C-alpha atoms as a PDB file:
ATOM      1  CA  MET A   1     -28.556 -10.019   3.930  1.00  0.00           C
ATOM      2  CA  LEU A   2     -25.343  -8.503   4.730  1.00  0.00           C
ATOM      3  CA  TYR A   3     -22.034  -9.138   3.070  1.00  0.00           C
ATOM      4  CA  SER A   4     -18.669  -9.290   4.408  1.00  0.00           C
ATOM      5  CA  VAL A   5     -15.964  -7.692   1.805  1.00  0.00           C
ATOM      6  CA  ARG A   6     -12.844  -7.617   3.076  1.00  0.00           C
ATOM      7  CA  MET A   7      -9.618  -6.342   0.976  1.00  0.00           C
ATOM      8  CA  ARG A   8      -5.544  -7.393   1.053  1.00  0.00           C
ATOM      9  CA  SER A   9      -3.173  -6.031  -0.654  1.00  0.00           C
ATOM     10  CA  ALA A  10       0.791  -6.819  -0.528  1.00  0.00           C
ATOM     11  CA  LYS A  11       3.171  -5.759  -3.074  1.00  0.00           C
ATOM     12  CA  GLY A  12       5.712  -7.861  -4.693  1.00  0.00           C
ATOM     13  CA  GLY A  13       3.584 -10.951  -4.593  1.00  0.00           C
ATOM     14  CA  ALA A  14       0.846 -12.690  -2.097  1.00  0.00           C
ATOM     15  CA  HIS A  15       1.444 -12.402   1.572  1.00  0.00           C
ATOM     16  CA  GLU A  16       2.023 -15.813   1.965  1.00  0.00           C
ATOM     17  CA  ALA A  17       4.797 -15.816  -1.370  1.00  0.00           C
ATOM     18  CA  GLY A  18       6.509 -12.938   1.108  1.00  0.00           C
ATOM     19  CA  GLY A  19       5.031 -10.268  -0.003  1.00  0.00           C
ATOM     20  CA  ARG A  20       5.312  -6.969   1.519  1.00  0.00           C
ATOM     21  CA  HIS A  21       1.736  -6.196   3.176  1.00  0.00           C
ATOM     22  CA  ILE A  22       0.439  -2.992   1.510  1.00  0.00           C
ATOM     23  CA  SER A  23      -3.395  -2.672   3.358  1.00  0.00           C
ATOM     24  CA  GLY A  24      -6.371  -4.516   4.182  1.00  0.00           C
ATOM     25  CA  ALA A  25      -9.835  -3.230   4.670  1.00  0.00           C
ATOM     26  CA  GLU A  26     -12.762  -4.806   5.873  1.00  0.00           C
ATOM     27  CA  ARG A  27     -17.075  -4.263   5.690  1.00  0.00           C
ATOM     28  CA  LEU A  28     -20.112  -5.298   6.198  1.00  0.00           C
ATOM     29  CA  ALA A  29     -22.620  -4.452   3.071  1.00  0.00           C
ATOM     30  CA  GLU A  30     -25.768  -4.595   2.166  1.00  0.00           C
ATOM     31  CA  HIS A  31     -25.940  -6.194  -1.330  1.00  0.00           C
ATOM     32  CA  ASP A  32     -26.042  -2.988  -3.597  1.00  0.00           C
ATOM     33  CA  GLU A  33     -23.048  -1.482  -1.851  1.00  0.00           C
ATOM     34  CA  ILE A  34     -20.747  -4.305  -2.521  1.00  0.00           C
ATOM     35  CA  GLN A  35     -19.880  -3.124  -6.187  1.00  0.00           C
ATOM     36  CA  GLN A  36     -18.959   0.624  -4.545  1.00  0.00           C
ATOM     37  CA  ILE A  37     -17.674  -0.680  -1.339  1.00  0.00           C
ATOM     38  CA  ALA A  38     -15.078  -3.475  -3.390  1.00  0.00           C
ATOM     39  CA  GLY A  39     -14.167  -0.594  -5.620  1.00  0.00           C
ATOM     40  CA  GLU A  40     -13.531   1.517  -2.793  1.00  0.00           C
ATOM     41  CA  MET A  41     -10.953  -1.000  -1.542  1.00  0.00           C
ATOM     42  CA  VAL A  42      -9.351  -1.768  -4.409  1.00  0.00           C
ATOM     43  CA  ALA A  43      -8.682   2.429  -5.368  1.00  0.00           C
ATOM     44  CA  ARG A  44      -6.924   2.378  -1.794  1.00  0.00           C
ATOM     45  CA  ALA A  45      -4.626  -0.616  -2.384  1.00  0.00           C
ATOM     46  CA  LEU A  46      -3.515   0.934  -5.725  1.00  0.00           C
ATOM     47  CA  GLY A  47      -3.108   4.434  -4.610  1.00  0.00           C
ATOM     48  CA  HIS A  48      -1.580   3.684  -0.417  1.00  0.00           C
ATOM     49  CA  SER A  49       0.838   5.474   0.749  1.00  0.00           C
ATOM     50  CA  ARG A  50       2.859   1.936   1.461  1.00  0.00           C
ATOM     51  CA  GLY A  51       3.218   1.674  -2.255  1.00  0.00           C
ATOM     52  CA  CYS A  52       0.977   0.676  -4.836  1.00  0.00           C
ATOM     53  CA  ALA A  53      -0.251  -2.946  -4.118  1.00  0.00           C
ATOM     54  CA  ASP A  54       0.294  -5.432  -6.950  1.00  0.00           C
ATOM     55  CA  PHE A  55      -1.528  -8.223  -5.587  1.00  0.00           C
ATOM     56  CA  ILE A  56      -5.150  -7.717  -4.176  1.00  0.00           C
ATOM     57  CA  THR A  57      -7.715  -9.898  -2.798  1.00  0.00           C
ATOM     58  CA  ILE A  58     -11.302  -9.084  -2.339  1.00  0.00           C
ATOM     59  CA  THR A  59     -13.152 -11.988  -0.045  1.00  0.00           C
ATOM     60  CA  ILE A  60     -17.543 -11.646  -0.160  1.00  0.00           C
ATOM     61  CA  GLU A  61     -18.814 -14.050   2.030  1.00  0.00           C
ATOM     62  CA  ALA A  62     -23.168 -13.829   3.060  1.00  0.00           C
ATOM     63  CA  VAL A  63     -23.480 -13.275   6.428  1.00  0.00           C
ATOM     64  CA  ASN A  64     -26.164 -14.977   7.969  1.00  0.00           C
ATOM     65  CA  PRO A  65     -28.337 -12.459   9.737  1.00  0.00           C
ATOM     66  CA  LYS A  66     -29.250 -14.619  12.355  1.00  0.00           C
ATOM     67  CA  GLN A  67     -25.488 -15.021  13.446  1.00  0.00           C
ATOM     68  CA  ILE A  68     -24.292 -11.061  13.523  1.00  0.00           C
ATOM     69  CA  ARG A  69     -24.079  -9.741  17.241  1.00  0.00           C
ATOM     70  CA  HIS A  70     -24.207  -5.930  18.134  1.00  0.00           C
ATOM     71  CA  VAL A  71     -21.583  -4.404  20.511  1.00  0.00           C
ATOM     72  CA  PRO A  72     -21.092  -1.204  21.861  1.00  0.00           C
ATOM     73  CA  LEU A  73     -19.153   1.344  20.199  1.00  0.00           C
ATOM     74  CA  LEU A  74     -16.490   2.708  22.565  1.00  0.00           C
ATOM     75  CA  PRO A  75     -16.196   6.470  23.870  1.00  0.00           C
ATOM     76  CA  VAL A  76     -13.328   8.306  22.500  1.00  0.00           C
ATOM     77  CA  THR A  77     -10.585  10.682  23.970  1.00  0.00           C
ATOM     78  CA  THR A  78      -7.703  12.010  22.136  1.00  0.00           C
ATOM     79  CA  VAL A  79      -4.812  13.231  24.652  1.00  0.00           C
ATOM     80  CA  ASP A  80      -2.421  15.374  22.296  1.00  0.00           C
ATOM     81  CA  VAL A  81       1.499  14.983  22.796  1.00  0.00           C
ATOM     82  CA  PRO A  82       4.488  16.873  21.766  1.00  0.00           C
ATOM     83  CA  ASP A  83       5.932  13.596  19.920  1.00  0.00           C
ATOM     84  CA  ALA A  84       6.185   9.914  20.170  1.00  0.00           C
ATOM     85  CA  GLU A  85       8.488   9.324  23.049  1.00  0.00           C
ATOM     86  CA  ALA A  86       5.933  11.086  25.290  1.00  0.00           C
ATOM     87  CA  GLY A  87       2.866   9.437  23.567  1.00  0.00           C
ATOM     88  CA  ARG A  88       3.967   6.035  24.399  1.00  0.00           C
ATOM     89  CA  ARG A  89       4.689   6.809  27.846  1.00  0.00           C
ATOM     90  CA  ALA A  90       1.340   8.399  28.122  1.00  0.00           C
ATOM     91  CA  ALA A  91      -0.079   5.181  26.582  1.00  0.00           C
ATOM     92  CA  MET A  92       1.919   3.245  28.865  1.00  0.00           C
ATOM     93  CA  THR A  93       0.201   5.139  32.074  1.00  0.00           C
ATOM     94  CA  VAL A  94      -3.016   4.506  30.069  1.00  0.00           C
ATOM     95  CA  LEU A  95      -2.318   1.063  30.257  1.00  0.00           C
ATOM     96  CA  MET A  96      -1.539   0.125  33.137  1.00  0.00           C
ATOM     97  CA  ARG A  97      -4.586   1.912  34.817  1.00  0.00           C
ATOM     98  CA  ARG A  98      -6.392  -1.047  32.785  1.00  0.00           C
ATOM     99  CA  GLY A  99      -4.637  -3.992  34.961  1.00  0.00           C
ATOM    100  CA  VAL A 100      -1.906  -4.393  32.303  1.00  0.00           C
ATOM    101  CA  SER A 101       1.751  -5.398  34.044  1.00  0.00           C
ATOM    102  CA  GLU A 102       4.232  -2.941  33.998  1.00  0.00           C
ATOM    103  CA  ARG A 103       6.586  -5.551  32.261  1.00  0.00           C
ATOM    104  CA  ALA A 104       3.807  -6.749  29.813  1.00  0.00           C
ATOM    105  CA  VAL A 105       3.499  -2.844  28.527  1.00  0.00           C
ATOM    106  CA  CYS A 106       7.313  -2.457  28.562  1.00  0.00           C
ATOM    107  CA  SER A 107       7.354  -6.319  26.378  1.00  0.00           C
ATOM    108  CA  ALA A 108       4.308  -4.805  24.299  1.00  0.00           C
ATOM    109  CA  MET A 109       6.367  -1.923  23.298  1.00  0.00           C
ATOM    110  CA  GLU A 110       9.668  -3.853  22.931  1.00  0.00           C
ATOM    111  CA  ALA A 111       7.543  -5.498  20.356  1.00  0.00           C
ATOM    112  CA  LEU A 112       6.225  -3.248  17.966  1.00  0.00           C
ATOM    113  CA  LEU A 113       9.689  -0.741  17.999  1.00  0.00           C
ATOM    114  CA  SER A 114      11.409  -4.347  17.036  1.00  0.00           C
ATOM    115  CA  LEU A 115       9.545  -4.875  13.948  1.00  0.00           C
ATOM    116  CA  PRO A 116      11.099  -5.410  10.615  1.00  0.00           C
ATOM    117  CA  ASP A 117       7.492  -4.496   9.002  1.00  0.00           C
ATOM    118  CA  SER A 118       4.629  -4.201   9.197  1.00  0.00           C
ATOM    119  CA  MET A 119       2.111  -6.924  10.542  1.00  0.00           C
ATOM    120  CA  ARG A 120      -1.079  -7.734   8.944  1.00  0.00           C
ATOM    121  CA  GLY A 121      -2.794  -9.170  12.311  1.00  0.00           C
ATOM    122  CA  ALA A 122      -2.648  -8.657  16.124  1.00  0.00           C
ATOM    123  CA  MET A 123      -0.314 -10.195  18.504  1.00  0.00           C
ATOM    124  CA  LEU A 124      -1.738 -11.982  22.032  1.00  0.00           C
ATOM    125  CA  PHE A 125       0.185 -11.227  25.087  1.00  0.00           C
ATOM    126  CA  CYS A 126      -0.760 -11.690  28.515  1.00  0.00           C
ATOM    127  CA  LYS A 127      -1.624  -9.034  30.308  1.00  0.00           C
ATOM    128  CA  ASP A 128       0.789  -9.890  33.535  1.00  0.00           C
ATOM    129  CA  THR A 129       3.631 -11.570  32.249  1.00  0.00           C
ATOM    130  CA  GLY A 130       4.323  -9.629  28.590  1.00  0.00           C
ATOM    131  CA  LYS A 131       4.238 -13.524  27.220  1.00  0.00           C
ATOM    132  CA  ARG A 132       3.477 -13.901  23.585  1.00  0.00           C
ATOM    133  CA  LEU A 133       0.667 -16.429  23.322  1.00  0.00           C
ATOM    134  CA  ASP A 134      -0.245 -16.880  19.503  1.00  0.00           C
ATOM    135  CA  GLU A 135       2.045 -18.409  17.398  1.00  0.00           C
ATOM    136  CA  ALA A 136       1.281 -16.614  14.193  1.00  0.00           C
ATOM    137  CA  GLY A 137       4.475 -14.888  13.740  1.00  0.00           C
ATOM    138  CA  GLN A 138       4.622 -11.750  11.254  1.00  0.00           C
ATOM    139  CA  ALA A 139       1.079 -12.762   9.855  1.00  0.00           C
ATOM    140  CA  GLY A 140      -0.002 -11.875  13.075  1.00  0.00           C
ATOM    141  CA  ILE A 141      -4.026 -12.773  14.395  1.00  0.00           C
ATOM    142  CA  ARG A 142      -6.690 -10.832  12.107  1.00  0.00           C
ATOM    143  CA  VAL A 143      -9.930  -9.394  13.107  1.00  0.00           C
ATOM    144  CA  SER A 144     -12.080  -9.945  10.372  1.00  0.00           C
ATOM    145  CA  ARG A 145     -16.269  -9.360   9.792  1.00  0.00           C
ATOM    146  CA  MET A 146     -16.927  -5.594  11.796  1.00  0.00           C
ATOM    147  CA  ASP A 147     -18.833  -3.060  10.485  1.00  0.00           C
ATOM    148  CA  ILE A 148     -20.542   0.103  11.946  1.00  0.00           C
ATOM    149  CA  ALA A 149     -24.606  -0.318  12.342  1.00  0.00           C
ATOM    150  CA  ASP A 150     -25.246   3.350  11.334  1.00  0.00           C
ATOM    151  CA  ASP A 151     -22.748   4.941   8.936  1.00  0.00           C
ATOM    152  CA  GLN A 152     -24.530   8.181   8.611  1.00  0.00           C
ATOM    153  CA  ASP A 153     -24.668   8.482  12.378  1.00  0.00           C
ATOM    154  CA  TYR A 154     -21.000   7.279  13.087  1.00  0.00           C
ATOM    155  CA  HIS A 155     -19.748  10.027  10.239  1.00  0.00           C
ATOM    156  CA  GLN A 156     -21.652  12.394  12.405  1.00  0.00           C
ATOM    157  CA  ARG A 157     -20.167  11.777  15.242  1.00  0.00           C
ATOM    158  CA  LEU A 158     -16.512  11.597  14.448  1.00  0.00           C
ATOM    159  CA  SER A 159     -16.802  14.778  12.712  1.00  0.00           C
ATOM    160  CA  GLY A 160     -18.336  16.279  15.718  1.00  0.00           C
ATOM    161  CA  LEU A 161     -15.037  15.131  17.597  1.00  0.00           C
ATOM    162  CA  GLY A 162     -12.565  16.625  14.548  1.00  0.00           C
ATOM    163  CA  LEU A 163     -11.951  12.754  13.503  1.00  0.00           C
ATOM    164  CA  THR A 164     -12.643  12.372  10.237  1.00  0.00           C
ATOM    165  CA  ASN A 165      -9.772  10.097   8.325  1.00  0.00           C
ATOM    166  CA  ILE A 166     -10.153   6.845   7.860  1.00  0.00           C
ATOM    167  CA  HIS A 167      -7.912   5.619   9.879  1.00  0.00           C
ATOM    168  CA  VAL A 168      -9.690   6.357  12.999  1.00  0.00           C
ATOM    169  CA  ARG A 169     -13.068   5.110  11.106  1.00  0.00           C
ATOM    170  CA  GLU A 170     -11.998   1.782  10.619  1.00  0.00           C
ATOM    171  CA  ALA A 171      -9.634   1.257  13.743  1.00  0.00           C
ATOM    172  CA  LEU A 172     -12.669   2.245  16.651  1.00  0.00           C
ATOM    173  CA  VAL A 173     -14.812  -0.203  14.832  1.00  0.00           C
ATOM    174  CA  LEU A 174     -12.082  -2.599  15.257  1.00  0.00           C
ATOM    175  CA  ALA A 175     -11.203  -1.742  19.137  1.00  0.00           C
ATOM    176  CA  SER A 176     -14.801  -1.571  19.720  1.00  0.00           C
ATOM    177  CA  LYS A 177     -15.366  -5.322  18.579  1.00  0.00           C
ATOM    178  CA  VAL A 178     -11.568  -6.489  20.612  1.00  0.00           C
ATOM    179  CA  ALA A 179     -12.977  -4.678  23.560  1.00  0.00           C
ATOM    180  CA  ALA A 180     -16.445  -6.906  23.954  1.00  0.00           C
ATOM    181  CA  ALA A 181     -14.447  -9.403  23.863  1.00  0.00           C
ATOM    182  CA  PRO A 182     -13.978 -10.562  28.085  1.00  0.00           C
ATOM    183  CA  GLN A 183     -10.902 -12.491  27.487  1.00  0.00           C
ATOM    184  CA  VAL A 184      -9.139  -9.228  26.237  1.00  0.00           C
ATOM    185  CA  ALA A 185      -7.833  -6.430  29.047  1.00  0.00           C
ATOM    186  CA  ALA A 186      -6.419  -3.863  26.396  1.00  0.00           C
ATOM    187  CA  GLU A 187      -5.520  -3.221  22.971  1.00  0.00           C
ATOM    188  CA  LEU A 188      -2.425  -1.076  22.047  1.00  0.00           C
ATOM    189  CA  CYS A 189      -1.998  -0.053  18.024  1.00  0.00           C
ATOM    190  CA  TRP A 190      -0.428   2.589  16.134  1.00  0.00           C
ATOM    191  CA  SER A 191      -0.813   2.542  12.167  1.00  0.00           C
ATOM    192  CA  ASP A 192       1.671   1.520   9.186  1.00  0.00           C
ATOM    193  CA  ASP A 193       0.100   4.358   7.357  1.00  0.00           C
ATOM    194  CA  PRO A 194       3.682   6.628   7.176  1.00  0.00           C
ATOM    195  CA  GLU A 195       1.524   9.496   6.946  1.00  0.00           C
ATOM    196  CA  TYR A 196       0.098   9.261  10.029  1.00  0.00           C
ATOM    197  CA  THR A 197       1.520   8.993  13.009  1.00  0.00           C
ATOM    198  CA  ALA A 198      -1.481   8.892  16.146  1.00  0.00           C
ATOM    199  CA  GLY A 199      -2.376   5.232  17.768  1.00  0.00           C
ATOM    200  CA  TYR A 200      -4.968   4.123  20.591  1.00  0.00           C
ATOM    201  CA  VAL A 201      -4.937   2.352  23.861  1.00  0.00           C
ATOM    202  CA  ALA A 202      -8.386   0.653  23.905  1.00  0.00           C
ATOM    203  CA  SER A 203     -10.623  -1.371  26.928  1.00  0.00           C
ATOM    204  CA  PRO A 204     -14.012  -1.611  27.412  1.00  0.00           C
ATOM    205  CA  ALA A 205     -13.041   1.702  29.497  1.00  0.00           C
ATOM    206  CA  GLY A 206     -13.021   3.609  25.910  1.00  0.00           C
ATOM    207  CA  TYR A 207     -10.568   4.574  23.072  1.00  0.00           C
ATOM    208  CA  CYS A 208      -7.963   6.594  23.983  1.00  0.00           C
ATOM    209  CA  ARG A 209      -6.051   8.105  21.037  1.00  0.00           C
ATOM    210  CA  PHE A 210      -3.021   9.460  21.389  1.00  0.00           C
ATOM    211  CA  THR A 211      -1.829  12.179  18.570  1.00  0.00           C
ATOM    212  CA  GLN A 212       1.290  10.869  18.331  1.00  0.00           C
ATOM    213  CA  LEU A 213       2.432   6.884  19.516  1.00  0.00           C
ATOM    214  CA  LYS A 214       5.309   6.762  16.156  1.00  0.00           C
ATOM    215  CA  ASN A 215       7.607   9.158  14.544  1.00  0.00           C
ATOM    216  CA  TYR A 216       6.366  10.687  10.821  1.00  0.00           C
ATOM    217  CA  GLY A 217       7.303   8.800   7.895  1.00  0.00           C
ATOM    218  CA  SER A 218       7.663   5.358   9.904  1.00  0.00           C
ATOM    219  CA  PRO A 219       6.272   2.918   7.660  1.00  0.00           C
ATOM    220  CA  VAL A 220       5.807   0.185  10.060  1.00  0.00           C
ATOM    221  CA  GLY A 221       3.241  -0.126  12.307  1.00  0.00           C
ATOM    222  CA  GLY A 222       0.989  -3.408  14.628  1.00  0.00           C
ATOM    223  CA  ARG A 223      -1.316  -4.023  17.322  1.00  0.00           C
ATOM    224  CA  ILE A 224      -0.945  -6.256  20.654  1.00  0.00           C
ATOM    225  CA  PHE A 225      -4.153  -7.370  22.260  1.00  0.00           C
ATOM    226  CA  PHE A 226      -3.315  -8.198  26.168  1.00  0.00           C
ATOM    227  CA  LEU A 227      -5.035 -11.338  27.348  1.00  0.00           C
ATOM    228  CA  ARG A 228      -6.464 -12.421  30.960  1.00  0.00           C
ATOM    229  CA  PRO A 229      -4.708 -15.134  32.247  1.00  0.00           C
ATOM    230  CA  GLY A 230      -6.481 -18.621  31.230  1.00  0.00           C
ATOM    231  CA  THR A 231      -7.789 -17.058  28.261  1.00  0.00           C
ATOM    232  CA  ASP A 232      -8.765 -19.802  25.979  1.00  0.00           C
ATOM    233  CA  LEU A 233      -6.525 -18.386  22.602  1.00  0.00           C
ATOM    234  CA  ALA A 234      -9.319 -21.065  20.281  1.00  0.00           C
ATOM    235  CA  ALA A 235     -12.331 -19.512  21.105  1.00  0.00           C
ATOM    236  CA  LEU A 236     -10.754 -15.852  21.316  1.00  0.00           C
ATOM    237  CA  ILE A 237      -9.646 -16.230  17.859  1.00  0.00           C
ATOM    238  CA  ASP A 238     -12.299 -17.758  16.309  1.00  0.00           C
ATOM    239  CA  TYR A 239     -14.141 -14.580  17.880  1.00  0.00           C
ATOM    240  CA  LEU A 240     -12.190 -12.280  16.268  1.00  0.00           C
ATOM    241  CA  GLY A 241     -12.037 -13.434  12.717  1.00  0.00           C
ATOM    242  CA  ARG A 242     -14.815 -14.956  12.025  1.00  0.00           C
ATOM    243  CA  GLN A 243     -17.903 -13.478  14.410  1.00  0.00           C
ATOM    244  CA  PRO A 244     -19.880 -11.377  12.294  1.00  0.00           C
ATOM    245  CA  VAL A 245     -20.034  -7.937  14.423  1.00  0.00           C
ATOM    246  CA  LEU A 246     -21.830  -4.525  13.721  1.00  0.00           C
ATOM    247  CA  VAL A 247     -20.864  -1.753  15.633  1.00  0.00           C
ATOM    248  CA  THR A 248     -24.188   0.051  17.451  1.00  0.00           C
ATOM    249  CA  ILE A 249     -23.972   3.576  18.973  1.00  0.00           C
END
C-alpha cells in the first residue's frame, strides 16, 4: 500500500487566510517511510530560503494501488545561458517549437513576470490565444499525488547528469506527470526559491532546463501549462490534482 504524503506551508497564517506561501512537497510513500518523509517536509518548511513557515499542513492518504497510473520520465537536457533575459529568449524559442504560439508565449512570460508573489499552483493558458483558462486566481491549479517509482535509480540518473538538488528531483517528476496529459502541449516554469535561478520548458518531447530564467534573489516564481484548444478543464484538473502517478525510468 502506498500513501500520498503532502505538505504545504505559509507564513502569517493559512494560505486561505492570506498567509504567504513558503513551500510545498508531494510524495507517494510506503507505510514505513511516512514518518521520515513527513519529518523531512516539516524541516524544509521551517528552514526554507523564502522564510520560516508558521503554518504547516501535512496530509496523508492511502492510495488504492489499482488506481495508480505509470508514466515515463521525460528525457533531460540543460541549456547554459549567461543571464535570465537570454534564458527567457531561449525558452520562448523552445516553446514555439513545441507548438505554442508567439502570442501565447509572450502572454505567459508577462503573466509570470508580473506576479506580485509566488503561486501555489499553475496557470492554465490556451496555447494558441494566450488566454488564461482557469479561474483559480493567485492560488493556481495544484499538481498532486505523484512520485518516482524507483528513487535509487532516479538519484543515480540525476547524479550522472550533475543534477543533485531537490528542485530538479521534484520538478522533473511533476513535469513528467503533466506532460503525460494529452491536453497539455507544454509547460513553462521557474522556481520561487530566491537562491535558485534555473527553470524549464517541458513537453512530451522532453524536459529542457535553462540555467537562468530569473534573477538571483527573486522570491517570485510560477508555472504555466499551455493547453490544446477544446480541453475539458474539469477532467484535466481532476487528473492533475487527484490521479496517483508513479513516474518510471
